[in-house]
Amino acid sequence: RLVLRRLRRDRPALAGLAGLAGLVVLAAIGPVLARWGAGEVDARAFLAAPSAAHWFGTTQAGRDVFALTVAGLRTSLLVGLGAGLLQTAIAAVVGTLAAYHGGWPDRALRWVVDLLLVVPSFFLVAIVSVGTGGRAGSVLLLVLVLAGLGWMLSARVVRAATLTLTGLDYVTAARYMNVPAHRIIGRHILPNLSSLLVVDATLAVAGAVLAESSLSFFGFGVQPPATSLGTLIAEGQRTATTFPWVFLAPAGTLVALLTCVNLVGDGLRDALDPSDGGRA
């Protein structure tokens, strides 16, 4: 109730939540609203301007830009939310367990983090995505690779915050009472890290969307026949000055998506902050 009350008072967060919900709904029901499918070609409309027949115009191949943008938005949402949330979950589990137990788990975490930080993630993602071609699993593999290569710095932050919390009196008392580690972490540590994890998840989702768009822009992300906002931006940038609708529709959608995610993340961070009692 307290979190909801704080969120209702945060107008930017409400605006971001409404915008994000609208984008999710658009991605879900957009194919029903579109008069053309993402794979259909209108042989009588090549690079046609926005009209009643094609709301966002058409591409050089005669494909409907609105239908393509909806399909790209759906893919970018899947990759961004999947990779961002999975990355935060991995960081939370690994960081809290390493800091709570200390000893060799903590040393192993630091060794793994140092090792993975030197891995050329861009080239690894490029090799995996190109190797999968256009198969249905390419998006899932992209999510797994982005999450698997993006949790290390977040785990370090979670570890540092957990080290502070493990020294508190009620955590120490629970350990002396032989309360299981998973219960202490779940009841006393993770709730106090909720603000940090929400901010991290927000940044991770936005970062995953940007990473997917950048990789797809250079041809190393989502592979045909699948499409994403990055592939559409790459296609439209060649004609951005002469036929701007091909570029502006996916680019504007990407900007709107990232803005809404950041606004929601800022609002949730403030609402979940246990030290901010003055806004109750």
Protein backbone atom coordinates (compact mmCIF):
# COMPACT_ATOMS: atom_id res chain seq x y z
CA ARG A 1 0.00 0.00 0.00
CA LEU A 2 2.82 2.39 0.84
CA VAL A 3 4.56 1.70 -2.47
CA LEU A 4 1.35 2.20 -4.44
CA ARG A 5 0.58 5.43 -2.57
CA ARG A 6 4.02 6.79 -3.36
CA LEU A 7 3.71 5.78 -7.01
CA ARG A 8 0.35 7.54 -7.36
CA ARG A 9 2.00 10.78 -6.24
CA ASP A 10 4.84 10.47 -8.76
CA ARG A 11 3.48 11.89 -12.00
CA PRO A 12 6.54 11.16 -14.17
CA ALA A 13 6.48 7.54 -13.01
CA LEU A 14 2.77 7.27 -13.79
CA ALA A 15 3.37 8.77 -17.23
CA GLY A 16 6.20 6.30 -17.83
CA LEU A 17 4.08 3.40 -16.62
CA ALA A 18 1.20 4.42 -18.87
CA GLY A 19 3.54 4.82 -21.83
CA LEU A 20 5.21 1.47 -21.19
CA ALA A 21 1.83 -0.24 -20.84
CA GLY A 22 0.73 1.36 -24.09
CA LEU A 23 3.83 0.08 -25.89
CA VAL A 24 3.30 -3.42 -24.51
CA VAL A 25 -0.33 -3.36 -25.63
CA LEU A 26 0.73 -2.08 -29.04
CA ALA A 27 3.24 -4.90 -29.37
CA ALA A 28 0.56 -7.43 -28.38
CA ILE A 29 -2.40 -6.28 -30.49
CA GLY A 30 -0.56 -4.33 -33.17
CA PRO A 31 -0.70 -7.17 -35.71
CA VAL A 32 -4.48 -7.22 -35.32
CA LEU A 33 -4.76 -3.48 -35.90
CA ALA A 34 -2.38 -3.39 -38.86
CA ARG A 35 -3.89 -3.63 -42.31
CA TRP A 36 -0.73 -5.28 -43.60
CA GLY A 37 1.45 -8.03 -42.20
CA ALA A 38 5.12 -7.51 -41.47
CA GLY A 39 6.05 -9.90 -44.26
CA GLU A 40 3.58 -8.64 -46.86
CA VAL A 41 4.68 -6.51 -49.81
CA ASP A 42 2.56 -3.86 -51.50
CA ALA A 43 3.77 -3.92 -55.10
CA ARG A 44 2.03 -0.59 -55.77
CA ALA A 45 3.63 1.32 -52.89
CA PHE A 46 7.41 1.48 -52.76
CA LEU A 47 8.69 4.12 -50.33
CA ALA A 48 5.16 5.51 -50.13
CA ALA A 49 4.51 8.33 -47.67
CA PRO A 50 2.20 7.76 -44.67
CA SER A 51 -1.42 7.45 -45.77
CA ALA A 52 -4.67 5.78 -44.86
CA ALA A 53 -3.48 2.58 -46.51
CA HIS A 54 -0.07 2.63 -44.79
CA TRP A 55 -0.16 4.61 -41.56
CA PHE A 56 3.64 4.95 -41.25
CA GLY A 57 4.42 4.61 -44.96
CA THR A 58 6.31 1.81 -46.67
CA THR A 59 9.92 0.76 -47.12
CA GLN A 60 11.93 0.47 -50.30
CA ALA A 61 10.72 -3.13 -50.61
CA GLY A 62 7.06 -2.11 -50.24
CA ARG A 63 6.64 -3.43 -46.68
CA ASP A 64 4.39 -1.61 -44.22
CA VAL A 65 6.45 0.41 -41.73
CA PHE A 66 3.78 0.23 -39.01
CA ALA A 67 3.65 -3.56 -39.13
CA LEU A 68 7.44 -3.77 -39.14
CA THR A 69 7.72 -1.35 -36.20
CA VAL A 70 5.25 -3.40 -34.17
CA ALA A 71 7.17 -6.59 -34.92
CA GLY A 72 10.47 -4.91 -34.05
CA LEU A 73 9.03 -3.49 -30.83
CA ARG A 74 7.85 -6.94 -29.79
CA THR A 75 11.30 -8.43 -30.34
CA SER A 76 13.08 -5.58 -28.56
CA LEU A 77 10.73 -5.88 -25.58
CA LEU A 78 11.35 -9.61 -25.33
CA VAL A 79 15.10 -9.20 -25.52
CA GLY A 80 15.24 -6.17 -23.20
CA LEU A 81 12.95 -7.47 -20.47
CA GLY A 82 14.26 -11.02 -20.66
CA ALA A 83 17.96 -10.11 -20.60
CA GLY A 84 17.57 -7.25 -18.10
CA LEU A 85 15.54 -9.18 -15.53
CA LEU A 86 17.64 -12.32 -15.88
CA GLN A 87 20.82 -10.30 -15.50
CA THR A 88 19.56 -8.68 -12.30
CA ALA A 89 18.39 -12.02 -10.90
CA ILE A 90 21.81 -13.59 -11.50
CA ALA A 91 23.57 -10.61 -9.93
CA ALA A 92 21.28 -10.69 -6.88
CA VAL A 93 21.74 -14.41 -6.25
CA VAL A 94 25.48 -14.53 -6.85
CA GLY A 95 26.25 -11.26 -5.06
CA THR A 96 24.25 -12.01 -1.90
CA LEU A 97 25.44 -15.60 -1.58
CA ALA A 98 29.09 -14.66 -2.06
CA ALA A 99 28.95 -11.81 0.47
CA TYR A 100 26.90 -13.76 3.02
CA HIS A 101 29.07 -16.87 3.06
CA GLY A 102 32.43 -15.19 2.42
CA GLY A 103 35.50 -17.38 2.14
CA TRP A 104 35.98 -19.31 -1.08
CA PRO A 105 32.55 -18.38 -2.60
CA ASP A 106 33.50 -14.72 -2.32
CA ARG A 107 36.95 -15.34 -3.82
CA ALA A 108 35.41 -17.42 -6.62
CA LEU A 109 32.97 -14.60 -7.45
CA ARG A 110 35.75 -12.05 -7.76
CA TRP A 111 37.80 -14.43 -9.91
CA VAL A 112 34.87 -15.18 -12.25
CA VAL A 113 33.97 -11.49 -12.51
CA ASP A 114 37.55 -10.51 -13.35
CA LEU A 115 37.70 -13.29 -15.94
CA LEU A 116 34.42 -12.43 -17.64
CA LEU A 117 35.14 -8.70 -17.72
CA VAL A 118 38.01 -9.30 -20.15
CA VAL A 119 35.87 -11.40 -22.50
CA PRO A 120 35.09 -9.47 -25.72
CA SER A 121 31.34 -9.62 -25.28
CA PHE A 122 30.51 -7.87 -28.55
CA PHE A 123 32.36 -10.44 -30.64
CA LEU A 124 30.96 -13.35 -28.62
CA VAL A 125 27.39 -12.14 -29.11
CA ALA A 126 28.10 -11.56 -32.79
CA ILE A 127 29.44 -15.09 -33.25
CA VAL A 128 26.52 -16.70 -31.41
CA SER A 129 23.80 -14.66 -33.14
CA VAL A 130 25.23 -15.15 -36.62
CA GLY A 131 25.80 -18.84 -35.95
CA THR A 132 22.14 -19.36 -35.07
CA GLY A 133 21.03 -17.70 -38.31
CA GLY A 134 17.33 -16.91 -38.46
CA ARG A 135 16.18 -19.87 -36.41
CA ALA A 136 13.52 -19.37 -33.75
CA GLY A 137 16.07 -19.82 -30.98
CA SER A 138 18.22 -16.88 -32.04
CA VAL A 139 16.26 -14.40 -29.88
CA LEU A 140 16.41 -16.71 -26.85
CA LEU A 141 20.14 -17.24 -27.28
CA LEU A 142 20.62 -13.49 -27.59
CA VAL A 143 18.78 -13.02 -24.29
CA LEU A 144 20.92 -15.66 -22.58
CA VAL A 145 24.19 -14.29 -23.94
CA LEU A 146 23.37 -10.67 -23.05
CA ALA A 147 22.35 -11.69 -19.53
CA GLY A 148 25.32 -14.01 -19.12
CA LEU A 149 27.77 -11.27 -20.05
CA GLY A 150 26.11 -8.38 -18.21
CA TRP A 151 25.67 -9.41 -14.56
CA MET A 152 29.24 -9.04 -13.28
CA LEU A 153 29.38 -5.36 -12.31
CA SER A 154 25.90 -5.54 -10.79
CA ALA A 155 26.96 -8.55 -8.71
CA ARG A 156 29.88 -6.53 -7.35
CA VAL A 157 27.54 -3.72 -6.28
CA VAL A 158 25.12 -6.22 -4.68
CA ARG A 159 28.03 -7.91 -2.89
CA ALA A 160 29.24 -4.60 -1.44
CA ALA A 161 25.73 -3.69 -0.23
CA THR A 162 25.23 -7.16 1.25
CA LEU A 163 28.49 -6.95 3.20
CA THR A 164 27.09 -3.87 4.92
CA LEU A 165 23.78 -5.54 5.72
CA THR A 166 25.32 -8.73 7.12
CA GLY A 167 26.87 -6.67 9.92
CA LEU A 168 23.53 -5.38 11.19
CA ASP A 169 22.32 -6.59 14.59
CA TYR A 170 19.17 -8.38 13.45
CA VAL A 171 21.06 -10.28 10.76
CA THR A 172 23.73 -11.29 13.27
CA ALA A 173 21.05 -12.39 15.73
CA ALA A 174 19.33 -14.48 13.09
CA ARG A 175 22.62 -16.21 12.25
CA TYR A 176 23.26 -17.02 15.91
CA MET A 177 19.74 -18.50 16.10
CA ASN A 178 20.70 -20.87 13.25
CA VAL A 179 18.14 -19.42 10.86
CA PRO A 180 18.81 -20.92 7.39
CA ALA A 181 20.83 -18.72 5.05
CA HIS A 182 18.13 -18.61 2.37
CA ARG A 183 15.59 -17.30 4.90
CA ILE A 184 17.94 -14.61 6.16
CA ILE A 185 18.72 -13.52 2.62
CA GLY A 186 15.07 -13.60 1.58
CA ARG A 187 13.64 -11.86 4.65
CA HIS A 188 16.33 -9.45 5.81
CA ILE A 189 18.81 -8.79 3.01
CA LEU A 190 16.94 -8.75 -0.29
CA PRO A 191 14.11 -6.44 0.96
CA ASN A 192 16.76 -3.89 1.93
CA LEU A 193 18.32 -4.26 -1.50
CA SER A 194 15.02 -3.81 -3.34
CA SER A 195 15.69 -0.19 -4.27
CA LEU A 196 19.15 -1.07 -5.59
CA LEU A 197 17.83 -4.07 -7.53
CA VAL A 198 15.01 -2.07 -9.09
CA VAL A 199 17.42 0.58 -10.30
CA ASP A 200 19.77 -2.09 -11.57
CA ALA A 201 16.96 -3.92 -13.37
CA THR A 202 15.82 -0.68 -14.99
CA LEU A 203 19.32 0.11 -16.21
CA ALA A 204 19.75 -3.50 -17.30
CA VAL A 205 16.54 -3.49 -19.35
CA ALA A 206 17.45 -0.21 -21.01
CA GLY A 207 21.00 -1.41 -21.57
CA ALA A 208 19.81 -4.69 -23.07
CA VAL A 209 17.47 -2.87 -25.45
CA LEU A 210 20.29 -0.58 -26.52
CA ALA A 211 22.72 -3.50 -26.85
CA GLU A 212 20.28 -5.47 -28.98
CA SER A 213 19.53 -2.44 -31.13
CA SER A 214 23.23 -1.69 -31.60
CA LEU A 215 24.07 -5.28 -32.48
CA SER A 216 21.13 -5.50 -34.87
CA PHE A 217 22.11 -2.16 -36.42
CA PHE A 218 25.48 -3.65 -37.36
CA GLY A 219 23.92 -6.95 -38.43
CA PHE A 220 25.08 -9.01 -35.44
CA GLY A 221 21.90 -9.08 -33.35
CA VAL A 222 18.50 -10.41 -34.34
CA GLN A 223 18.85 -12.27 -37.61
CA PRO A 224 16.33 -12.42 -40.50
CA PRO A 225 13.56 -13.32 -40.92
CA ALA A 226 13.09 -11.89 -37.41
CA THR A 227 13.21 -8.12 -37.08
CA SER A 228 13.87 -5.62 -34.30
CA LEU A 229 14.00 -1.87 -33.86
CA GLY A 230 17.74 -1.95 -34.47
CA THR A 231 17.42 -3.66 -37.85
CA LEU A 232 14.69 -1.22 -38.88
CA ILE A 233 16.79 1.78 -37.85
CA ALA A 234 19.71 0.38 -39.84
CA GLU A 235 17.47 -0.01 -42.87
CA GLY A 236 15.96 3.46 -42.53
CA GLN A 237 19.13 5.44 -41.87
CA ARG A 238 20.17 5.17 -45.51
CA THR A 239 17.09 7.13 -46.57
CA ALA A 240 16.59 9.23 -43.42
CA THR A 241 16.90 12.55 -45.26
CA THR A 242 14.81 11.68 -48.31
CA PHE A 243 12.21 9.28 -46.91
CA PRO A 244 12.32 10.01 -43.16
CA TRP A 245 9.30 7.92 -42.14
CA VAL A 246 11.24 4.68 -42.64
CA PHE A 247 13.75 5.84 -40.00
CA LEU A 248 11.62 7.96 -37.67
CA ALA A 249 9.03 5.32 -36.79
CA PRO A 250 11.40 2.71 -35.26
CA ALA A 251 13.77 5.38 -33.89
CA GLY A 252 10.92 7.23 -32.17
CA THR A 253 9.56 3.98 -30.78
CA LEU A 254 12.98 3.09 -29.37
CA VAL A 255 13.35 6.51 -27.72
CA ALA A 256 9.84 6.26 -26.24
CA LEU A 257 10.53 2.77 -24.90
CA LEU A 258 13.78 3.75 -23.19
CA THR A 259 12.26 6.94 -21.75
CA CYS A 260 9.29 5.07 -20.27
CA VAL A 261 11.49 2.37 -18.75
CA ASN A 262 13.73 4.96 -17.09
CA LEU A 263 10.77 6.93 -15.71
CA VAL A 264 9.24 3.78 -14.22
CA GLY A 265 12.57 2.78 -12.73
CA ASP A 266 13.08 6.17 -11.08
CA GLY A 267 9.58 6.06 -9.61
CA LEU A 268 9.96 2.52 -8.27
CA ARG A 269 13.34 3.37 -6.78
CA ASP A 270 11.85 6.25 -4.80
CA ALA A 271 8.77 4.25 -3.78
CA LEU A 272 10.74 1.24 -2.59
CA ASP A 273 13.41 3.20 -0.74
CA PRO A 274 12.98 2.14 2.91
CA SER A 275 14.90 5.18 4.16
CA ASP A 276 12.49 7.65 2.51
CA GLY A 277 9.89 7.73 5.23
CA GLY A 278 8.94 11.32 4.62
CA ARG A 279 7.04 10.53 1.45
CA ALA A 280 4.71 8.00 3.06
